[in-house]
Amino acid sequence: MTSTNCTITFTQKMHTDSAVLFAGVCDPCGVPVWAGSPEDAQTRFEHHRDIPEPPAEVLARPVTVADVDTYPAWFLNGRGFPVAAAAKCQHGYTLVAFCPECA
């Protein structure tokens, strides 16, 4: 995956305390990005897009709990999110969800 694959469109949302939020979901990653201003939203998206990849050998095999623990930025907030979201731990939780047994 290269950073040029990520795109996002932000929409303005109202929060429960009447604060305005700018929210979007990265396409194709599915990672939600939200912020209090359009500028901050763009900065957060650029951070998501630019998180460095783990080593090639990590990307070449099925993702594990240990991989997510070692490279959390990539698998939880970066372009590796779809891979971790599709994989499950031995207890049946996706690798982006909290598993009380793996913790």
PDB file of N, CA and C in Angstrom:
ATOM      1  N   MET A   1       0.847  -1.185   0.000  1.00  0.00           N
ATOM      2  CA  MET A   1       0.000   0.000   0.000  1.00  0.00           C
ATOM      3  C   MET A   1       0.886   1.239   0.000  1.00  0.00           C
ATOM      4  N   THR A   2       0.578   2.152  -0.835  1.00  0.00           N
ATOM      5  CA  THR A   2       1.311   3.406  -0.822  1.00  0.00           C
ATOM      6  C   THR A   2       0.391   4.506  -0.335  1.00  0.00           C
ATOM      7  N   SER A   3       0.993   5.575   0.164  1.00  0.00           N
ATOM      8  CA  SER A   3       0.195   6.650   0.745  1.00  0.00           C
ATOM      9  C   SER A   3      -0.716   7.316  -0.283  1.00  0.00           C
ATOM     10  N   THR A   4      -0.417   7.183  -1.559  1.00  0.00           N
ATOM     11  CA  THR A   4      -1.264   7.816  -2.567  1.00  0.00           C
ATOM     12  C   THR A   4      -2.612   7.110  -2.703  1.00  0.00           C
ATOM     13  N   ASN A   5      -2.768   5.910  -2.109  1.00  0.00           N
ATOM     14  CA  ASN A   5      -4.041   5.197  -2.179  1.00  0.00           C
ATOM     15  C   ASN A   5      -5.090   5.765  -1.239  1.00  0.00           C
ATOM     16  N   CYS A   6      -4.679   6.492  -0.225  1.00  0.00           N
ATOM     17  CA  CYS A   6      -5.602   6.997   0.790  1.00  0.00           C
ATOM     18  C   CYS A   6      -6.257   8.294   0.339  1.00  0.00           C
ATOM     19  N   THR A   7      -7.573   8.340   0.479  1.00  0.00           N
ATOM     20  CA  THR A   7      -8.323   9.574   0.221  1.00  0.00           C
ATOM     21  C   THR A   7      -9.368   9.722   1.319  1.00  0.00           C
ATOM     22  N   ILE A   8      -9.799  10.941   1.550  1.00  0.00           N
ATOM     23  CA  ILE A   8     -10.797  11.181   2.581  1.00  0.00           C
ATOM     24  C   ILE A   8     -11.592  12.429   2.242  1.00  0.00           C
ATOM     25  N   THR A   9     -12.844  12.410   2.611  1.00  0.00           N
ATOM     26  CA  THR A   9     -13.709  13.582   2.506  1.00  0.00           C
ATOM     27  C   THR A   9     -14.283  13.825   3.894  1.00  0.00           C
ATOM     28  N   PHE A  10     -14.114  15.036   4.404  1.00  0.00           N
ATOM     29  CA  PHE A  10     -14.610  15.364   5.734  1.00  0.00           C
ATOM     30  C   PHE A  10     -15.991  15.995   5.646  1.00  0.00           C
ATOM     31  N   THR A  11     -16.824  15.639   6.606  1.00  0.00           N
ATOM     32  CA  THR A  11     -18.128  16.271   6.730  1.00  0.00           C
ATOM     33  C   THR A  11     -18.212  16.907   8.110  1.00  0.00           C
ATOM     34  N   GLN A  12     -18.970  17.963   8.197  1.00  0.00           N
ATOM     35  CA  GLN A  12     -19.144  18.668   9.459  1.00  0.00           C
ATOM     36  C   GLN A  12     -20.252  17.989  10.254  1.00  0.00           C
ATOM     37  N   LYS A  13     -19.980  17.689  11.514  1.00  0.00           N
ATOM     38  CA  LYS A  13     -20.932  17.008  12.384  1.00  0.00           C
ATOM     39  C   LYS A  13     -21.103  17.820  13.665  1.00  0.00           C
ATOM     40  N   MET A  14     -22.241  17.684  14.305  1.00  0.00           N
ATOM     41  CA  MET A  14     -22.460  18.309  15.608  1.00  0.00           C
ATOM     42  C   MET A  14     -22.253  17.253  16.684  1.00  0.00           C
ATOM     43  N   HIS A  15     -21.470  17.577  17.685  1.00  0.00           N
ATOM     44  CA  HIS A  15     -21.247  16.692  18.815  1.00  0.00           C
ATOM     45  C   HIS A  15     -22.349  16.927  19.841  1.00  0.00           C
ATOM     46  N   THR A  16     -22.488  16.046  20.803  1.00  0.00           N
ATOM     47  CA  THR A  16     -23.564  16.163  21.779  1.00  0.00           C
ATOM     48  C   THR A  16     -23.505  17.452  22.606  1.00  0.00           C
ATOM     49  N   ASP A  17     -22.318  18.003  22.802  1.00  0.00           N
ATOM     50  CA  ASP A  17     -22.218  19.250  23.572  1.00  0.00           C
ATOM     51  C   ASP A  17     -22.222  20.476  22.660  1.00  0.00           C
ATOM     52  N   SER A  18     -22.770  20.353  21.476  1.00  0.00           N
ATOM     53  CA  SER A  18     -22.899  21.413  20.479  1.00  0.00           C
ATOM     54  C   SER A  18     -21.573  21.837  19.841  1.00  0.00           C
ATOM     55  N   ALA A  19     -20.511  21.109  20.109  1.00  0.00           N
ATOM     56  CA  ALA A  19     -19.243  21.396  19.442  1.00  0.00           C
ATOM     57  C   ALA A  19     -19.301  20.872  18.013  1.00  0.00           C
ATOM     58  N   VAL A  20     -18.658  21.567  17.117  1.00  0.00           N
ATOM     59  CA  VAL A  20     -18.596  21.148  15.719  1.00  0.00           C
ATOM     60  C   VAL A  20     -17.382  20.243  15.547  1.00  0.00           C
ATOM     61  N   LEU A  21     -17.592  19.104  14.929  1.00  0.00           N
ATOM     62  CA  LEU A  21     -16.510  18.183  14.615  1.00  0.00           C
ATOM     63  C   LEU A  21     -16.458  17.981  13.109  1.00  0.00           C
ATOM     64  N   PHE A  22     -15.275  17.702  12.630  1.00  0.00           N
ATOM     65  CA  PHE A  22     -15.081  17.363  11.231  1.00  0.00           C
ATOM     66  C   PHE A  22     -14.668  15.903  11.198  1.00  0.00           C
ATOM     67  N   ALA A  23     -15.462  15.074  10.534  1.00  0.00           N
ATOM     68  CA  ALA A  23     -15.245  13.635  10.549  1.00  0.00           C
ATOM     69  C   ALA A  23     -15.174  13.086   9.138  1.00  0.00           C
ATOM     70  N   GLY A  24     -14.381  12.044   8.997  1.00  0.00           N
ATOM     71  CA  GLY A  24     -14.272  11.354   7.721  1.00  0.00           C
ATOM     72  C   GLY A  24     -13.730   9.959   7.947  1.00  0.00           C
ATOM     73  N   VAL A  25     -13.823   9.131   6.930  1.00  0.00           N
ATOM     74  CA  VAL A  25     -13.298   7.775   6.971  1.00  0.00           C
ATOM     75  C   VAL A  25     -12.404   7.595   5.752  1.00  0.00           C
ATOM     76  N   CYS A  26     -11.187   7.132   5.991  1.00  0.00           N
ATOM     77  CA  CYS A  26     -10.238   6.942   4.899  1.00  0.00           C
ATOM     78  C   CYS A  26     -10.735   5.865   3.944  1.00  0.00           C
ATOM     79  N   ASP A  27     -10.635   6.138   2.673  1.00  0.00           N
ATOM     80  CA  ASP A  27     -10.909   5.156   1.638  1.00  0.00           C
ATOM     81  C   ASP A  27      -9.564   4.810   1.010  1.00  0.00           C
ATOM     82  N   PRO A  28      -9.104   3.601   1.057  1.00  0.00           N
ATOM     83  CA  PRO A  28      -9.789   2.341   1.307  1.00  0.00           C
ATOM     84  C   PRO A  28      -9.581   1.772   2.713  1.00  0.00           C
ATOM     85  N   CYS A  29      -8.868   2.445   3.590  1.00  0.00           N
ATOM     86  CA  CYS A  29      -8.477   1.864   4.883  1.00  0.00           C
ATOM     87  C   CYS A  29      -9.618   1.665   5.863  1.00  0.00           C
ATOM     88  N   GLY A  30     -10.603   2.562   5.841  1.00  0.00           N
ATOM     89  CA  GLY A  30     -11.693   2.478   6.797  1.00  0.00           C
ATOM     90  C   GLY A  30     -11.376   3.080   8.151  1.00  0.00           C
ATOM     91  N   VAL A  31     -10.237   3.747   8.279  1.00  0.00           N
ATOM     92  CA  VAL A  31      -9.852   4.363   9.547  1.00  0.00           C
ATOM     93  C   VAL A  31     -10.614   5.670   9.715  1.00  0.00           C
ATOM     94  N   PRO A  32     -11.339   5.832  10.835  1.00  0.00           N
ATOM     95  CA  PRO A  32     -12.032   7.102  11.066  1.00  0.00           C
ATOM     96  C   PRO A  32     -11.047   8.188  11.486  1.00  0.00           C
ATOM     97  N   VAL A  33     -11.281   9.398  10.997  1.00  0.00           N
ATOM     98  CA  VAL A  33     -10.460  10.553  11.359  1.00  0.00           C
ATOM     99  C   VAL A  33     -11.417  11.671  11.728  1.00  0.00           C
ATOM    100  N   TRP A  34     -11.223  12.275  12.897  1.00  0.00           N
ATOM    101  CA  TRP A  34     -12.076  13.390  13.300  1.00  0.00           C
ATOM    102  C   TRP A  34     -11.251  14.421  14.039  1.00  0.00           C
ATOM    103  N   ALA A  35     -11.733  15.658  14.010  1.00  0.00           N
ATOM    104  CA  ALA A  35     -11.014  16.769  14.631  1.00  0.00           C
ATOM    105  C   ALA A  35     -11.966  17.943  14.816  1.00  0.00           C
ATOM    106  N   GLY A  36     -11.486  18.959  15.504  1.00  0.00           N
ATOM    107  CA  GLY A  36     -12.302  20.132  15.790  1.00  0.00           C
ATOM    108  C   GLY A  36     -12.242  21.219  14.745  1.00  0.00           C
ATOM    109  N   SER A  37     -11.335  21.103  13.789  1.00  0.00           N
ATOM    110  CA  SER A  37     -11.243  22.106  12.725  1.00  0.00           C
ATOM    111  C   SER A  37     -10.842  21.416  11.428  1.00  0.00           C
ATOM    112  N   PRO A  38     -11.148  22.028  10.294  1.00  0.00           N
ATOM    113  CA  PRO A  38     -10.732  21.424   9.020  1.00  0.00           C
ATOM    114  C   PRO A  38      -9.221  21.252   8.922  1.00  0.00           C
ATOM    115  N   GLU A  39      -8.475  22.226   9.464  1.00  0.00           N
ATOM    116  CA  GLU A  39      -7.021  22.154   9.404  1.00  0.00           C
ATOM    117  C   GLU A  39      -6.488  20.985  10.220  1.00  0.00           C
ATOM    118  N   ASP A  40      -7.034  20.814  11.458  1.00  0.00           N
ATOM    119  CA  ASP A  40      -6.606  19.712  12.309  1.00  0.00           C
ATOM    120  C   ASP A  40      -7.017  18.375  11.700  1.00  0.00           C
ATOM    121  N   ALA A  41      -8.176  18.318  11.085  1.00  0.00           N
ATOM    122  CA  ALA A  41      -8.617  17.093  10.430  1.00  0.00           C
ATOM    123  C   ALA A  41      -7.650  16.707   9.314  1.00  0.00           C
ATOM    124  N   GLN A  42      -7.233  17.676   8.525  1.00  0.00           N
ATOM    125  CA  GLN A  42      -6.290  17.402   7.436  1.00  0.00           C
ATOM    126  C   GLN A  42      -4.944  16.942   7.988  1.00  0.00           C
ATOM    127  N   THR A  43      -4.484  17.569   9.069  1.00  0.00           N
ATOM    128  CA  THR A  43      -3.216  17.178   9.691  1.00  0.00           C
ATOM    129  C   THR A  43      -3.291  15.744  10.209  1.00  0.00           C
ATOM    130  N   ARG A  44      -4.404  15.400  10.847  1.00  0.00           N
ATOM    131  CA  ARG A  44      -4.574  14.039  11.363  1.00  0.00           C
ATOM    132  C   ARG A  44      -4.628  13.023  10.227  1.00  0.00           C
ATOM    133  N   PHE A  45      -5.283  13.376   9.123  1.00  0.00           N
ATOM    134  CA  PHE A  45      -5.331  12.483   7.975  1.00  0.00           C
ATOM    135  C   PHE A  45      -3.933  12.287   7.387  1.00  0.00           C
ATOM    136  N   GLU A  46      -3.177  13.366   7.260  1.00  0.00           N
ATOM    137  CA  GLU A  46      -1.813  13.248   6.728  1.00  0.00           C
ATOM    138  C   GLU A  46      -0.954  12.372   7.631  1.00  0.00           C
ATOM    139  N   HIS A  47      -1.148  12.485   8.951  1.00  0.00           N
ATOM    140  CA  HIS A  47      -0.417  11.614   9.873  1.00  0.00           C
ATOM    141  C   HIS A  47      -0.791  10.150   9.611  1.00  0.00           C
ATOM    142  N   HIS A  48      -2.074   9.864   9.492  1.00  0.00           N
ATOM    143  CA  HIS A  48      -2.538   8.502   9.190  1.00  0.00           C
ATOM    144  C   HIS A  48      -1.881   7.982   7.914  1.00  0.00           C
ATOM    145  N   ARG A  49      -1.911   8.796   6.898  1.00  0.00           N
ATOM    146  CA  ARG A  49      -1.415   8.397   5.578  1.00  0.00           C
ATOM    147  C   ARG A  49       0.091   8.162   5.588  1.00  0.00           C
ATOM    148  N   ASP A  50       0.812   8.894   6.447  1.00  0.00           N
ATOM    149  CA  ASP A  50       2.274   8.863   6.398  1.00  0.00           C
ATOM    150  C   ASP A  50       2.927   7.979   7.458  1.00  0.00           C
ATOM    151  N   ILE A  51       2.142   7.209   8.219  1.00  0.00           N
ATOM    152  CA  ILE A  51       2.737   6.288   9.198  1.00  0.00           C
ATOM    153  C   ILE A  51       3.594   5.287   8.428  1.00  0.00           C
ATOM    154  N   PRO A  52       4.860   5.124   8.820  1.00  0.00           N
ATOM    155  CA  PRO A  52       5.737   4.216   8.078  1.00  0.00           C
ATOM    156  C   PRO A  52       5.294   2.757   8.174  1.00  0.00           C
ATOM    157  N   GLU A  53       5.527   2.034   7.103  1.00  0.00           N
ATOM    158  CA  GLU A  53       5.204   0.608   7.060  1.00  0.00           C
ATOM    159  C   GLU A  53       6.156  -0.177   7.955  1.00  0.00           C
ATOM    160  N   PRO A  54       5.686  -1.295   8.502  1.00  0.00           N
ATOM    161  CA  PRO A  54       6.607  -2.209   9.186  1.00  0.00           C
ATOM    162  C   PRO A  54       7.531  -2.865   8.155  1.00  0.00           C
ATOM    163  N   PRO A  55       8.515  -3.625   8.607  1.00  0.00           N
ATOM    164  CA  PRO A  55       9.405  -4.315   7.658  1.00  0.00           C
ATOM    165  C   PRO A  55       8.629  -5.218   6.690  1.00  0.00           C
ATOM    166  N   ALA A  56       9.191  -5.422   5.522  1.00  0.00           N
ATOM    167  CA  ALA A  56       8.544  -6.203   4.462  1.00  0.00           C
ATOM    168  C   ALA A  56       8.161  -7.606   4.920  1.00  0.00           C
ATOM    169  N   GLU A  57       8.986  -8.228   5.761  1.00  0.00           N
ATOM    170  CA  GLU A  57       8.665  -9.589   6.200  1.00  0.00           C
ATOM    171  C   GLU A  57       7.391  -9.628   7.053  1.00  0.00           C
ATOM    172  N   VAL A  58       7.081  -8.548   7.754  1.00  0.00           N
ATOM    173  CA  VAL A  58       5.844  -8.470   8.530  1.00  0.00           C
ATOM    174  C   VAL A  58       4.643  -8.381   7.586  1.00  0.00           C
ATOM    175  N   LEU A  59       4.785  -7.594   6.538  1.00  0.00           N
ATOM    176  CA  LEU A  59       3.689  -7.406   5.587  1.00  0.00           C
ATOM    177  C   LEU A  59       3.484  -8.612   4.680  1.00  0.00           C
ATOM    178  N   ALA A  60       4.493  -9.470   4.580  1.00  0.00           N
ATOM    179  CA  ALA A  60       4.429 -10.614   3.664  1.00  0.00           C
ATOM    180  C   ALA A  60       3.701 -11.814   4.256  1.00  0.00           C
ATOM    181  N   ARG A  61       3.405 -11.780   5.540  1.00  0.00           N
ATOM    182  CA  ARG A  61       2.754 -12.929   6.182  1.00  0.00           C
ATOM    183  C   ARG A  61       1.467 -12.478   6.856  1.00  0.00           C
ATOM    184  N   PRO A  62       0.620 -13.419   7.278  1.00  0.00           N
ATOM    185  CA  PRO A  62      -0.597 -13.027   7.987  1.00  0.00           C
ATOM    186  C   PRO A  62      -0.258 -12.263   9.268  1.00  0.00           C
ATOM    187  N   VAL A  63      -1.029 -11.235   9.558  1.00  0.00           N
ATOM    188  CA  VAL A  63      -0.781 -10.396  10.734  1.00  0.00           C
ATOM    189  C   VAL A  63      -1.123 -11.165  12.011  1.00  0.00           C
ATOM    190  N   THR A  64      -0.340 -10.910  13.055  1.00  0.00           N
ATOM    191  CA  THR A  64      -0.533 -11.579  14.338  1.00  0.00           C
ATOM    192  C   THR A  64      -0.781 -10.542  15.436  1.00  0.00           C
ATOM    193  N   VAL A  65      -1.192 -11.018  16.603  1.00  0.00           N
ATOM    194  CA  VAL A  65      -1.355 -10.135  17.766  1.00  0.00           C
ATOM    195  C   VAL A  65      -0.025  -9.454  18.065  1.00  0.00           C
ATOM    196  N   ALA A  66       1.061 -10.199  17.992  1.00  0.00           N
ATOM    197  CA  ALA A  66       2.388  -9.627  18.257  1.00  0.00           C
ATOM    198  C   ALA A  66       2.730  -8.516  17.266  1.00  0.00           C
ATOM    199  N   ASP A  67       2.336  -8.675  16.009  1.00  0.00           N
ATOM    200  CA  ASP A  67       2.589  -7.622  15.011  1.00  0.00           C
ATOM    201  C   ASP A  67       1.856  -6.339  15.383  1.00  0.00           C
ATOM    202  N   VAL A  68       0.593  -6.470  15.787  1.00  0.00           N
ATOM    203  CA  VAL A  68      -0.199  -5.292  16.165  1.00  0.00           C
ATOM    204  C   VAL A  68       0.407  -4.643  17.404  1.00  0.00           C
ATOM    205  N   ASP A  69       0.870  -5.459  18.349  1.00  0.00           N
ATOM    206  CA  ASP A  69       1.516  -4.913  19.548  1.00  0.00           C
ATOM    207  C   ASP A  69       2.830  -4.211  19.215  1.00  0.00           C
ATOM    208  N   THR A  70       3.568  -4.736  18.244  1.00  0.00           N
ATOM    209  CA  THR A  70       4.860  -4.161  17.864  1.00  0.00           C
ATOM    210  C   THR A  70       4.719  -2.933  16.974  1.00  0.00           C
ATOM    211  N   TYR A  71       3.713  -2.908  16.114  1.00  0.00           N
ATOM    212  CA  TYR A  71       3.494  -1.809  15.164  1.00  0.00           C
ATOM    213  C   TYR A  71       2.075  -1.251  15.304  1.00  0.00           C
ATOM    214  N   PRO A  72       1.695  -0.779  16.502  1.00  0.00           N
ATOM    215  CA  PRO A  72       0.308  -0.340  16.706  1.00  0.00           C
ATOM    216  C   PRO A  72      -0.099   0.842  15.831  1.00  0.00           C
ATOM    217  N   ALA A  73       0.794   1.768  15.589  1.00  0.00           N
ATOM    218  CA  ALA A  73       0.427   2.921  14.751  1.00  0.00           C
ATOM    219  C   ALA A  73       0.001   2.455  13.364  1.00  0.00           C
ATOM    220  N   TRP A  74       0.739   1.537  12.778  1.00  0.00           N
ATOM    221  CA  TRP A  74       0.433   1.050  11.434  1.00  0.00           C
ATOM    222  C   TRP A  74      -0.880   0.266  11.387  1.00  0.00           C
ATOM    223  N   PHE A  75      -1.050  -0.662  12.329  1.00  0.00           N
ATOM    224  CA  PHE A  75      -2.206  -1.550  12.275  1.00  0.00           C
ATOM    225  C   PHE A  75      -3.473  -0.974  12.908  1.00  0.00           C
ATOM    226  N   LEU A  76      -3.363  -0.012  13.812  1.00  0.00           N
ATOM    227  CA  LEU A  76      -4.549   0.550  14.453  1.00  0.00           C
ATOM    228  C   LEU A  76      -4.944   1.918  13.901  1.00  0.00           C
ATOM    229  N   ASN A  77      -3.966   2.698  13.433  1.00  0.00           N
ATOM    230  CA  ASN A  77      -4.249   4.050  12.929  1.00  0.00           C
ATOM    231  C   ASN A  77      -3.778   4.278  11.510  1.00  0.00           C
ATOM    232  N   GLY A  78      -3.031   3.354  10.968  1.00  0.00           N
ATOM    233  CA  GLY A  78      -2.445   3.553   9.648  1.00  0.00           C
ATOM    234  C   GLY A  78      -3.080   2.699   8.575  1.00  0.00           C
ATOM    235  N   ARG A  79      -2.347   2.554   7.494  1.00  0.00           N
ATOM    236  CA  ARG A  79      -2.865   1.847   6.329  1.00  0.00           C
ATOM    237  C   ARG A  79      -2.945   0.339   6.508  1.00  0.00           C
ATOM    238  N   GLY A  80      -2.438  -0.181   7.632  1.00  0.00           N
ATOM    239  CA  GLY A  80      -2.560  -1.604   7.935  1.00  0.00           C
ATOM    240  C   GLY A  80      -3.853  -1.959   8.648  1.00  0.00           C
ATOM    241  N   PHE A  81      -4.691  -0.962   8.934  1.00  0.00           N
ATOM    242  CA  PHE A  81      -5.940  -1.187   9.660  1.00  0.00           C
ATOM    243  C   PHE A  81      -6.831  -2.242   9.002  1.00  0.00           C
ATOM    244  N   PRO A  82      -7.063  -2.214   7.676  1.00  0.00           N
ATOM    245  CA  PRO A  82      -7.955  -3.219   7.085  1.00  0.00           C
ATOM    246  C   PRO A  82      -7.459  -4.653   7.282  1.00  0.00           C
ATOM    247  N   VAL A  83      -6.147  -4.834   7.257  1.00  0.00           N
ATOM    248  CA  VAL A  83      -5.579  -6.172   7.440  1.00  0.00           C
ATOM    249  C   VAL A  83      -5.815  -6.643   8.874  1.00  0.00           C
ATOM    250  N   ALA A  84      -5.547  -5.770   9.850  1.00  0.00           N
ATOM    251  CA  ALA A  84      -5.743  -6.132  11.256  1.00  0.00           C
ATOM    252  C   ALA A  84      -7.227  -6.299  11.584  1.00  0.00           C
ATOM    253  N   ALA A  85      -8.082  -5.520  10.948  1.00  0.00           N
ATOM    254  CA  ALA A  85      -9.522  -5.622  11.192  1.00  0.00           C
ATOM    255  C   ALA A  85     -10.092  -6.922  10.637  1.00  0.00           C
ATOM    256  N   ALA A  86      -9.459  -7.476   9.626  1.00  0.00           N
ATOM    257  CA  ALA A  86      -9.938  -8.719   9.021  1.00  0.00           C
ATOM    258  C   ALA A  86      -9.386  -9.963   9.717  1.00  0.00           C
ATOM    259  N   ALA A  87      -8.327  -9.802  10.510  1.00  0.00           N
ATOM    260  CA  ALA A  87      -7.705 -10.942  11.193  1.00  0.00           C
ATOM    261  C   ALA A  87      -8.274 -11.088  12.603  1.00  0.00           C
ATOM    262  N   LYS A  88      -8.220 -12.296  13.129  1.00  0.00           N
ATOM    263  CA  LYS A  88      -8.729 -12.555  14.478  1.00  0.00           C
ATOM    264  C   LYS A  88      -7.672 -13.235  15.336  1.00  0.00           C
ATOM    265  N   CYS A  89      -7.748 -12.959  16.619  1.00  0.00           N
ATOM    266  CA  CYS A  89      -6.884 -13.645  17.573  1.00  0.00           C
ATOM    267  C   CYS A  89      -7.457 -15.034  17.839  1.00  0.00           C
ATOM    268  N   GLN A  90      -6.764 -15.806  18.631  1.00  0.00           N
ATOM    269  CA  GLN A  90      -7.216 -17.176  18.911  1.00  0.00           C
ATOM    270  C   GLN A  90      -8.498 -17.225  19.736  1.00  0.00           C
ATOM    271  N   HIS A  91      -8.924 -16.061  20.263  1.00  0.00           N
ATOM    272  CA  HIS A  91     -10.143 -16.002  21.062  1.00  0.00           C
ATOM    273  C   HIS A  91     -11.338 -15.459  20.273  1.00  0.00           C
ATOM    274  N   GLY A  92     -11.119 -15.172  18.988  1.00  0.00           N
ATOM    275  CA  GLY A  92     -12.207 -14.749  18.116  1.00  0.00           C
ATOM    276  C   GLY A  92     -12.407 -13.250  17.973  1.00  0.00           C
ATOM    277  N   TYR A  93     -11.570 -12.440  18.605  1.00  0.00           N
ATOM    278  CA  TYR A  93     -11.673 -10.982  18.483  1.00  0.00           C
ATOM    279  C   TYR A  93     -10.832 -10.507  17.295  1.00  0.00           C
ATOM    280  N   THR A  94     -11.329  -9.475  16.587  1.00  0.00           N
ATOM    281  CA  THR A  94     -10.479  -8.916  15.530  1.00  0.00           C
ATOM    282  C   THR A  94      -9.270  -8.272  16.189  1.00  0.00           C
ATOM    283  N   LEU A  95      -8.207  -8.120  15.431  1.00  0.00           N
ATOM    284  CA  LEU A  95      -6.971  -7.590  15.985  1.00  0.00           C
ATOM    285  C   LEU A  95      -7.019  -6.082  16.240  1.00  0.00           C
ATOM    286  N   VAL A  96      -8.124  -5.431  15.869  1.00  0.00           N
ATOM    287  CA  VAL A  96      -8.293  -4.015  16.207  1.00  0.00           C
ATOM    288  C   VAL A  96      -9.224  -3.837  17.403  1.00  0.00           C
ATOM    289  N   ALA A  97      -9.763  -4.927  17.922  1.00  0.00           N
ATOM    290  CA  ALA A  97     -10.640  -4.888  19.094  1.00  0.00           C
ATOM    291  C   ALA A  97      -9.857  -5.354  20.320  1.00  0.00           C
ATOM    292  N   PHE A  98     -10.332  -4.977  21.488  1.00  0.00           N
ATOM    293  CA  PHE A  98      -9.698  -5.404  22.721  1.00  0.00           C
ATOM    294  C   PHE A  98     -10.109  -6.837  23.044  1.00  0.00           C
ATOM    295  N   CYS A  99      -9.124  -7.686  23.266  1.00  0.00           N
ATOM    296  CA  CYS A  99      -9.374  -9.066  23.702  1.00  0.00           C
ATOM    297  C   CYS A  99      -8.873  -9.180  25.135  1.00  0.00           C
ATOM    298  N   PRO A 100      -9.772  -9.476  26.076  1.00  0.00           N
ATOM    299  CA  PRO A 100      -9.335  -9.591  27.463  1.00  0.00           C
ATOM    300  C   PRO A 100      -8.350 -10.747  27.703  1.00  0.00           C
ATOM    301  N   GLU A 101      -8.386 -11.751  26.860  1.00  0.00           N
ATOM    302  CA  GLU A 101      -7.481 -12.885  27.026  1.00  0.00           C
ATOM    303  C   GLU A 101      -6.075 -12.578  26.492  1.00  0.00           C
ATOM    304  N   CYS A 102      -5.995 -11.815  25.405  1.00  0.00           N
ATOM    305  CA  CYS A 102      -4.685 -11.491  24.814  1.00  0.00           C
ATOM    306  C   CYS A 102      -3.982 -10.347  25.553  1.00  0.00           C
ATOM    307  N   ALA A 103      -4.755  -9.536  26.272  1.00  0.00           N
ATOM    308  CA  ALA A 103      -4.191  -8.348  26.923  1.00  0.00           C
ATOM    309  C   ALA A 103      -3.178  -8.709  27.981  1.00  0.00           C
TER     310      ALA A 103
END
